[in-house]
Amino acid sequence: MTTLNISLPDDLQAFIDQQISIGSYGTASDYISHLIRQEQERSAEKQLETLLIEGLDSGDPIEATEAWWTQKRADLVGRLHSSPS
């Protein structure tokens, strides 16, 4: 584990201390780690959204009917069984 020292204004330190005192987090490190994990999740969601939009804009649209999904599943299962282990 790495140690990181940061300087905070008094009001931010007071807010962190408040979060710890109400039992939301055990330590300032727990709280900061939680914030960083939240930002990582937001970043991953934004990246996924960007990729999904790129996919939607990448070609002619298709109608994903039940028959289309059935064929897609069959194709994927076929590729899985034919690929080397």
PDB file of N, CA and C in Angstrom:
ATOM      1  N   MET A   1       0.849  -1.176   0.000  1.00  0.00           N
ATOM      2  CA  MET A   1       0.000   0.000   0.000  1.00  0.00           C
ATOM      3  C   MET A   1       0.893   1.236   0.000  1.00  0.00           C
ATOM      4  N   THR A   2       0.465   2.265  -0.710  1.00  0.00           N
ATOM      5  CA  THR A   2       1.220   3.503  -0.817  1.00  0.00           C
ATOM      6  C   THR A   2       0.624   4.563   0.094  1.00  0.00           C
ATOM      7  N   THR A   3       1.474   5.389   0.658  1.00  0.00           N
ATOM      8  CA  THR A   3       1.027   6.500   1.483  1.00  0.00           C
ATOM      9  C   THR A   3       1.046   7.761   0.645  1.00  0.00           C
ATOM     10  N   LEU A   4       0.003   8.575   0.798  1.00  0.00           N
ATOM     11  CA  LEU A   4      -0.119   9.830   0.067  1.00  0.00           C
ATOM     12  C   LEU A   4      -0.460  10.920   1.057  1.00  0.00           C
ATOM     13  N   ASN A   5       0.335  11.945   1.100  1.00  0.00           N
ATOM     14  CA  ASN A   5       0.061  13.080   1.980  1.00  0.00           C
ATOM     15  C   ASN A   5      -0.565  14.192   1.154  1.00  0.00           C
ATOM     16  N   ILE A   6      -1.670  14.749   1.642  1.00  0.00           N
ATOM     17  CA  ILE A   6      -2.324  15.841   0.943  1.00  0.00           C
ATOM     18  C   ILE A   6      -2.606  16.978   1.916  1.00  0.00           C
ATOM     19  N   SER A   7      -2.668  18.176   1.374  1.00  0.00           N
ATOM     20  CA  SER A   7      -3.027  19.340   2.176  1.00  0.00           C
ATOM     21  C   SER A   7      -4.455  19.729   1.827  1.00  0.00           C
ATOM     22  N   LEU A   8      -5.256  19.988   2.853  1.00  0.00           N
ATOM     23  CA  LEU A   8      -6.655  20.355   2.648  1.00  0.00           C
ATOM     24  C   LEU A   8      -6.978  21.638   3.385  1.00  0.00           C
ATOM     25  N   PRO A   9      -7.885  22.424   2.820  1.00  0.00           N
ATOM     26  CA  PRO A   9      -8.385  23.569   3.590  1.00  0.00           C
ATOM     27  C   PRO A   9      -9.135  23.057   4.826  1.00  0.00           C
ATOM     28  N   ASP A  10      -9.213  23.889   5.834  1.00  0.00           N
ATOM     29  CA  ASP A  10      -9.850  23.484   7.095  1.00  0.00           C
ATOM     30  C   ASP A  10     -11.280  23.005   6.899  1.00  0.00           C
ATOM     31  N   ASP A  11     -12.035  23.655   6.005  1.00  0.00           N
ATOM     32  CA  ASP A  11     -13.431  23.260   5.824  1.00  0.00           C
ATOM     33  C   ASP A  11     -13.549  21.858   5.231  1.00  0.00           C
ATOM     34  N   LEU A  12     -12.644  21.487   4.341  1.00  0.00           N
ATOM     35  CA  LEU A  12     -12.685  20.132   3.789  1.00  0.00           C
ATOM     36  C   LEU A  12     -12.279  19.102   4.840  1.00  0.00           C
ATOM     37  N   GLN A  13     -11.280  19.418   5.620  1.00  0.00           N
ATOM     38  CA  GLN A  13     -10.878  18.515   6.703  1.00  0.00           C
ATOM     39  C   GLN A  13     -12.020  18.336   7.697  1.00  0.00           C
ATOM     40  N   ALA A  14     -12.723  19.421   8.005  1.00  0.00           N
ATOM     41  CA  ALA A  14     -13.861  19.342   8.927  1.00  0.00           C
ATOM     42  C   ALA A  14     -14.953  18.448   8.352  1.00  0.00           C
ATOM     43  N   PHE A  15     -15.177  18.539   7.050  1.00  0.00           N
ATOM     44  CA  PHE A  15     -16.196  17.696   6.422  1.00  0.00           C
ATOM     45  C   PHE A  15     -15.805  16.221   6.508  1.00  0.00           C
ATOM     46  N   ILE A  16     -14.558  15.918   6.241  1.00  0.00           N
ATOM     47  CA  ILE A  16     -14.086  14.534   6.349  1.00  0.00           C
ATOM     48  C   ILE A  16     -14.234  14.046   7.783  1.00  0.00           C
ATOM     49  N   ASP A  17     -13.847  14.871   8.727  1.00  0.00           N
ATOM     50  CA  ASP A  17     -13.980  14.497  10.141  1.00  0.00           C
ATOM     51  C   ASP A  17     -15.440  14.240  10.500  1.00  0.00           C
ATOM     52  N   GLN A  18     -16.340  15.027   9.938  1.00  0.00           N
ATOM     53  CA  GLN A  18     -17.773  14.835  10.182  1.00  0.00           C
ATOM     54  C   GLN A  18     -18.235  13.489   9.631  1.00  0.00           C
ATOM     55  N   GLN A  19     -17.781  13.143   8.445  1.00  0.00           N
ATOM     56  CA  GLN A  19     -18.152  11.859   7.849  1.00  0.00           C
ATOM     57  C   GLN A  19     -17.674  10.694   8.715  1.00  0.00           C
ATOM     58  N   ILE A  20     -16.497  10.849   9.278  1.00  0.00           N
ATOM     59  CA  ILE A  20     -15.957   9.804  10.158  1.00  0.00           C
ATOM     60  C   ILE A  20     -16.755   9.754  11.457  1.00  0.00           C
ATOM     61  N   SER A  21     -17.087  10.923  12.024  1.00  0.00           N
ATOM     62  CA  SER A  21     -17.771  10.954  13.321  1.00  0.00           C
ATOM     63  C   SER A  21     -19.191  10.396  13.255  1.00  0.00           C
ATOM     64  N   ILE A  22     -19.853  10.524  12.119  1.00  0.00           N
ATOM     65  CA  ILE A  22     -21.213   9.970  12.018  1.00  0.00           C
ATOM     66  C   ILE A  22     -21.194   8.493  11.644  1.00  0.00           C
ATOM     67  N   GLY A  23     -20.003   7.956  11.517  1.00  0.00           N
ATOM     68  CA  GLY A  23     -19.885   6.514  11.299  1.00  0.00           C
ATOM     69  C   GLY A  23     -19.931   6.075   9.864  1.00  0.00           C
ATOM     70  N   SER A  24     -19.917   7.018   8.933  1.00  0.00           N
ATOM     71  CA  SER A  24     -19.954   6.634   7.527  1.00  0.00           C
ATOM     72  C   SER A  24     -18.663   5.946   7.084  1.00  0.00           C
ATOM     73  N   TYR A  25     -17.556   6.378   7.680  1.00  0.00           N
ATOM     74  CA  TYR A  25     -16.238   5.846   7.323  1.00  0.00           C
ATOM     75  C   TYR A  25     -15.412   5.716   8.591  1.00  0.00           C
ATOM     76  N   GLY A  26     -14.476   4.781   8.572  1.00  0.00           N
ATOM     77  CA  GLY A  26     -13.649   4.561   9.741  1.00  0.00           C
ATOM     78  C   GLY A  26     -12.500   5.547   9.859  1.00  0.00           C
ATOM     79  N   THR A  27     -11.953   5.914   8.703  1.00  0.00           N
ATOM     80  CA  THR A  27     -10.800   6.814   8.697  1.00  0.00           C
ATOM     81  C   THR A  27     -10.911   7.750   7.499  1.00  0.00           C
ATOM     82  N   ALA A  28     -10.072   8.790   7.521  1.00  0.00           N
ATOM     83  CA  ALA A  28     -10.015   9.694   6.373  1.00  0.00           C
ATOM     84  C   ALA A  28      -9.583   8.927   5.127  1.00  0.00           C
ATOM     85  N   SER A  29      -8.691   7.980   5.294  1.00  0.00           N
ATOM     86  CA  SER A  29      -8.235   7.157   4.169  1.00  0.00           C
ATOM     87  C   SER A  29      -9.395   6.373   3.554  1.00  0.00           C
ATOM     88  N   ASP A  30     -10.272   5.819   4.408  1.00  0.00           N
ATOM     89  CA  ASP A  30     -11.445   5.097   3.904  1.00  0.00           C
ATOM     90  C   ASP A  30     -12.325   6.011   3.070  1.00  0.00           C
ATOM     91  N   TYR A  31     -12.525   7.231   3.551  1.00  0.00           N
ATOM     92  CA  TYR A  31     -13.384   8.185   2.851  1.00  0.00           C
ATOM     93  C   TYR A  31     -12.778   8.589   1.509  1.00  0.00           C
ATOM     94  N   ILE A  32     -11.510   8.921   1.500  1.00  0.00           N
ATOM     95  CA  ILE A  32     -10.841   9.313   0.258  1.00  0.00           C
ATOM     96  C   ILE A  32     -10.831   8.141  -0.724  1.00  0.00           C
ATOM     97  N   SER A  33     -10.573   6.948  -0.245  1.00  0.00           N
ATOM     98  CA  SER A  33     -10.600   5.763  -1.118  1.00  0.00           C
ATOM     99  C   SER A  33     -11.977   5.575  -1.734  1.00  0.00           C
ATOM    100  N   HIS A  34     -13.020   5.787  -0.934  1.00  0.00           N
ATOM    101  CA  HIS A  34     -14.387   5.681  -1.431  1.00  0.00           C
ATOM    102  C   HIS A  34     -14.635   6.692  -2.553  1.00  0.00           C
ATOM    103  N   LEU A  35     -14.197   7.920  -2.352  1.00  0.00           N
ATOM    104  CA  LEU A  35     -14.375   8.956  -3.376  1.00  0.00           C
ATOM    105  C   LEU A  35     -13.646   8.596  -4.665  1.00  0.00           C
ATOM    106  N   ILE A  36     -12.455   8.070  -4.534  1.00  0.00           N
ATOM    107  CA  ILE A  36     -11.682   7.686  -5.713  1.00  0.00           C
ATOM    108  C   ILE A  36     -12.362   6.538  -6.446  1.00  0.00           C
ATOM    109  N   ARG A  37     -12.873   5.545  -5.707  1.00  0.00           N
ATOM    110  CA  ARG A  37     -13.587   4.430  -6.348  1.00  0.00           C
ATOM    111  C   ARG A  37     -14.831   4.930  -7.080  1.00  0.00           C
ATOM    112  N   GLN A  38     -15.556   5.881  -6.469  1.00  0.00           N
ATOM    113  CA  GLN A  38     -16.722   6.456  -7.137  1.00  0.00           C
ATOM    114  C   GLN A  38     -16.321   7.116  -8.450  1.00  0.00           C
ATOM    115  N   GLU A  39     -15.234   7.852  -8.445  1.00  0.00           N
ATOM    116  CA  GLU A  39     -14.775   8.523  -9.655  1.00  0.00           C
ATOM    117  C   GLU A  39     -14.335   7.507 -10.706  1.00  0.00           C
ATOM    118  N   GLN A  40     -13.701   6.427 -10.274  1.00  0.00           N
ATOM    119  CA  GLN A  40     -13.327   5.367 -11.208  1.00  0.00           C
ATOM    120  C   GLN A  40     -14.570   4.776 -11.874  1.00  0.00           C
ATOM    121  N   GLU A  41     -15.623   4.541 -11.085  1.00  0.00           N
ATOM    122  CA  GLU A  41     -16.863   3.998 -11.631  1.00  0.00           C
ATOM    123  C   GLU A  41     -17.500   4.980 -12.615  1.00  0.00           C
ATOM    124  N   ARG A  42     -17.526   6.265 -12.257  1.00  0.00           N
ATOM    125  CA  ARG A  42     -18.081   7.275 -13.164  1.00  0.00           C
ATOM    126  C   ARG A  42     -17.298   7.320 -14.472  1.00  0.00           C
ATOM    127  N   SER A  43     -15.989   7.246 -14.364  1.00  0.00           N
ATOM    128  CA  SER A  43     -15.142   7.274 -15.550  1.00  0.00           C
ATOM    129  C   SER A  43     -15.403   6.059 -16.429  1.00  0.00           C
ATOM    130  N   ALA A  44     -15.524   4.874 -15.820  1.00  0.00           N
ATOM    131  CA  ALA A  44     -15.802   3.658 -16.583  1.00  0.00           C
ATOM    132  C   ALA A  44     -17.174   3.735 -17.253  1.00  0.00           C
ATOM    133  N   GLU A  45     -18.169   4.272 -16.544  1.00  0.00           N
ATOM    134  CA  GLU A  45     -19.500   4.417 -17.125  1.00  0.00           C
ATOM    135  C   GLU A  45     -19.486   5.388 -18.306  1.00  0.00           C
ATOM    136  N   LYS A  46     -18.730   6.475 -18.170  1.00  0.00           N
ATOM    137  CA  LYS A  46     -18.626   7.452 -19.256  1.00  0.00           C
ATOM    138  C   LYS A  46     -17.955   6.814 -20.470  1.00  0.00           C
ATOM    139  N   GLN A  47     -16.909   6.043 -20.230  1.00  0.00           N
ATOM    140  CA  GLN A  47     -16.218   5.366 -21.325  1.00  0.00           C
ATOM    141  C   GLN A  47     -17.150   4.365 -22.008  1.00  0.00           C
ATOM    142  N   LEU A  48     -17.913   3.609 -21.223  1.00  0.00           N
ATOM    143  CA  LEU A  48     -18.858   2.659 -21.788  1.00  0.00           C
ATOM    144  C   LEU A  48     -19.913   3.377 -22.617  1.00  0.00           C
ATOM    145  N   GLU A  49     -20.434   4.484 -22.096  1.00  0.00           N
ATOM    146  CA  GLU A  49     -21.429   5.255 -22.834  1.00  0.00           C
ATOM    147  C   GLU A  49     -20.861   5.754 -24.157  1.00  0.00           C
ATOM    148  N   THR A  50     -19.628   6.220 -24.131  1.00  0.00           N
ATOM    149  CA  THR A  50     -18.972   6.684 -25.356  1.00  0.00           C
ATOM    150  C   THR A  50     -18.857   5.550 -26.367  1.00  0.00           C
ATOM    151  N   LEU A  51     -18.443   4.378 -25.899  1.00  0.00           N
ATOM    152  CA  LEU A  51     -18.314   3.225 -26.791  1.00  0.00           C
ATOM    153  C   LEU A  51     -19.667   2.793 -27.349  1.00  0.00           C
ATOM    154  N   LEU A  52     -20.696   2.834 -26.504  1.00  0.00           N
ATOM    155  CA  LEU A  52     -22.028   2.458 -26.977  1.00  0.00           C
ATOM    156  C   LEU A  52     -22.524   3.430 -28.051  1.00  0.00           C
ATOM    157  N   ILE A  53     -22.301   4.703 -27.837  1.00  0.00           N
ATOM    158  CA  ILE A  53     -22.715   5.699 -28.830  1.00  0.00           C
ATOM    159  C   ILE A  53     -21.926   5.517 -30.122  1.00  0.00           C
ATOM    160  N   GLU A  54     -20.627   5.263 -30.017  1.00  0.00           N
ATOM    161  CA  GLU A  54     -19.832   4.996 -31.214  1.00  0.00           C
ATOM    162  C   GLU A  54     -20.374   3.777 -31.947  1.00  0.00           C
ATOM    163  N   GLY A  55     -20.756   2.751 -31.199  1.00  0.00           N
ATOM    164  CA  GLY A  55     -21.326   1.552 -31.819  1.00  0.00           C
ATOM    165  C   GLY A  55     -22.627   1.847 -32.525  1.00  0.00           C
ATOM    166  N   LEU A  56     -23.466   2.648 -31.895  1.00  0.00           N
ATOM    167  CA  LEU A  56     -24.743   2.999 -32.518  1.00  0.00           C
ATOM    168  C   LEU A  56     -24.542   3.805 -33.796  1.00  0.00           C
ATOM    169  N   ASP A  57     -23.500   4.615 -33.818  1.00  0.00           N
ATOM    170  CA  ASP A  57     -23.233   5.461 -34.981  1.00  0.00           C
ATOM    171  C   ASP A  57     -22.329   4.800 -36.017  1.00  0.00           C
ATOM    172  N   SER A  58     -21.973   3.536 -35.818  1.00  0.00           N
ATOM    173  CA  SER A  58     -20.935   2.919 -36.638  1.00  0.00           C
ATOM    174  C   SER A  58     -21.416   2.268 -37.933  1.00  0.00           C
ATOM    175  N   GLY A  59     -22.675   2.203 -38.142  1.00  0.00           N
ATOM    176  CA  GLY A  59     -23.107   1.552 -39.377  1.00  0.00           C
ATOM    177  C   GLY A  59     -24.610   1.594 -39.524  1.00  0.00           C
ATOM    178  N   ASP A  60     -25.062   0.856 -40.515  1.00  0.00           N
ATOM    179  CA  ASP A  60     -26.496   0.799 -40.753  1.00  0.00           C
ATOM    180  C   ASP A  60     -27.187   0.100 -39.590  1.00  0.00           C
ATOM    181  N   PRO A  61     -28.316   0.628 -39.172  1.00  0.00           N
ATOM    182  CA  PRO A  61     -29.031   0.001 -38.045  1.00  0.00           C
ATOM    183  C   PRO A  61     -29.641  -1.332 -38.450  1.00  0.00           C
ATOM    184  N   ILE A  62     -29.775  -2.204 -37.469  1.00  0.00           N
ATOM    185  CA  ILE A  62     -30.459  -3.477 -37.667  1.00  0.00           C
ATOM    186  C   ILE A  62     -31.562  -3.587 -36.623  1.00  0.00           C
ATOM    187  N   GLU A  63     -32.560  -4.362 -36.933  1.00  0.00           N
ATOM    188  CA  GLU A  63     -33.623  -4.601 -35.969  1.00  0.00           C
ATOM    189  C   GLU A  63     -33.263  -5.865 -35.187  1.00  0.00           C
ATOM    190  N   ALA A  64     -33.088  -5.724 -33.893  1.00  0.00           N
ATOM    191  CA  ALA A  64     -32.702  -6.847 -33.049  1.00  0.00           C
ATOM    192  C   ALA A  64     -33.957  -7.581 -32.579  1.00  0.00           C
ATOM    193  N   THR A  65     -34.484  -8.403 -33.466  1.00  0.00           N
ATOM    194  CA  THR A  65     -35.689  -9.180 -33.164  1.00  0.00           C
ATOM    195  C   THR A  65     -35.309 -10.440 -32.396  1.00  0.00           C
ATOM    196  N   GLU A  66     -36.304 -11.162 -31.949  1.00  0.00           N
ATOM    197  CA  GLU A  66     -36.045 -12.434 -31.263  1.00  0.00           C
ATOM    198  C   GLU A  66     -35.318 -13.398 -32.194  1.00  0.00           C
ATOM    199  N   ALA A  67     -35.684 -13.414 -33.456  1.00  0.00           N
ATOM    200  CA  ALA A  67     -35.006 -14.281 -34.427  1.00  0.00           C
ATOM    201  C   ALA A  67     -33.537 -13.869 -34.584  1.00  0.00           C
ATOM    202  N   TRP A  68     -33.275 -12.565 -34.601  1.00  0.00           N
ATOM    203  CA  TRP A  68     -31.897 -12.084 -34.724  1.00  0.00           C
ATOM    204  C   TRP A  68     -31.078 -12.553 -33.525  1.00  0.00           C
ATOM    205  N   TRP A  69     -31.646 -12.402 -32.295  1.00  0.00           N
ATOM    206  CA  TRP A  69     -30.936 -12.836 -31.089  1.00  0.00           C
ATOM    207  C   TRP A  69     -30.709 -14.342 -31.082  1.00  0.00           C
ATOM    208  N   THR A  70     -31.683 -15.095 -31.526  1.00  0.00           N
ATOM    209  CA  THR A  70     -31.528 -16.554 -31.588  1.00  0.00           C
ATOM    210  C   THR A  70     -30.375 -16.925 -32.505  1.00  0.00           C
ATOM    211  N   GLN A  71     -30.324 -16.287 -33.684  1.00  0.00           N
ATOM    212  CA  GLN A  71     -29.234 -16.556 -34.622  1.00  0.00           C
ATOM    213  C   GLN A  71     -27.893 -16.096 -34.051  1.00  0.00           C
ATOM    214  N   LYS A  72     -27.875 -14.937 -33.392  1.00  0.00           N
ATOM    215  CA  LYS A  72     -26.643 -14.411 -32.804  1.00  0.00           C
ATOM    216  C   LYS A  72     -26.114 -15.387 -31.745  1.00  0.00           C
ATOM    217  N   ARG A  73     -27.006 -15.895 -30.893  1.00  0.00           N
ATOM    218  CA  ARG A  73     -26.593 -16.864 -29.865  1.00  0.00           C
ATOM    219  C   ARG A  73     -26.029 -18.130 -30.513  1.00  0.00           C
ATOM    220  N   ALA A  74     -26.715 -18.617 -31.526  1.00  0.00           N
ATOM    221  CA  ALA A  74     -26.257 -19.830 -32.213  1.00  0.00           C
ATOM    222  C   ALA A  74     -24.885 -19.605 -32.837  1.00  0.00           C
ATOM    223  N   ASP A  75     -24.676 -18.447 -33.450  1.00  0.00           N
ATOM    224  CA  ASP A  75     -23.366 -18.134 -34.040  1.00  0.00           C
ATOM    225  C   ASP A  75     -22.279 -18.102 -32.976  1.00  0.00           C
ATOM    226  N   LEU A  76     -22.562 -17.457 -31.845  1.00  0.00           N
ATOM    227  CA  LEU A  76     -21.576 -17.363 -30.773  1.00  0.00           C
ATOM    228  C   LEU A  76     -21.253 -18.723 -30.167  1.00  0.00           C
ATOM    229  N   VAL A  77     -22.276 -19.544 -29.957  1.00  0.00           N
ATOM    230  CA  VAL A  77     -22.051 -20.886 -29.422  1.00  0.00           C
ATOM    231  C   VAL A  77     -21.232 -21.700 -30.412  1.00  0.00           C
ATOM    232  N   GLY A  78     -21.545 -21.567 -31.692  1.00  0.00           N
ATOM    233  CA  GLY A  78     -20.777 -22.270 -32.727  1.00  0.00           C
ATOM    234  C   GLY A  78     -19.320 -21.846 -32.724  1.00  0.00           C
ATOM    235  N   ARG A  79     -19.065 -20.542 -32.587  1.00  0.00           N
ATOM    236  CA  ARG A  79     -17.692 -20.052 -32.545  1.00  0.00           C
ATOM    237  C   ARG A  79     -16.977 -20.552 -31.286  1.00  0.00           C
ATOM    238  N   LEU A  80     -17.697 -20.621 -30.191  1.00  0.00           N
ATOM    239  CA  LEU A  80     -17.112 -21.093 -28.934  1.00  0.00           C
ATOM    240  C   LEU A  80     -16.683 -22.554 -29.063  1.00  0.00           C
ATOM    241  N   HIS A  81     -17.533 -23.377 -29.665  1.00  0.00           N
ATOM    242  CA  HIS A  81     -17.231 -24.803 -29.798  1.00  0.00           C
ATOM    243  C   HIS A  81     -16.167 -25.080 -30.844  1.00  0.00           C
ATOM    244  N   SER A  82     -16.014 -24.189 -31.810  1.00  0.00           N
ATOM    245  CA  SER A  82     -15.021 -24.413 -32.847  1.00  0.00           C
ATOM    246  C   SER A  82     -13.667 -23.796 -32.533  1.00  0.00           C
ATOM    247  N   SER A  83     -13.593 -22.972 -31.480  1.00  0.00           N
ATOM    248  CA  SER A  83     -12.312 -22.339 -31.148  1.00  0.00           C
ATOM    249  C   SER A  83     -11.428 -23.321 -30.378  1.00  0.00           C
ATOM    250  N   PRO A  84     -10.101 -23.241 -30.610  1.00  0.00           N
ATOM    251  CA  PRO A  84      -9.190 -24.127 -29.867  1.00  0.00           C
ATOM    252  C   PRO A  84      -9.169 -23.780 -28.389  1.00  0.00           C
ATOM    253  N   SER A  85      -9.005 -24.778 -27.548  1.00  0.00           N
ATOM    254  CA  SER A  85      -9.016 -24.580 -26.089  1.00  0.00           C
ATOM    255  C   SER A  85      -7.828 -23.905 -25.579  1.00  0.00           C
TER     256      SER A  85
END
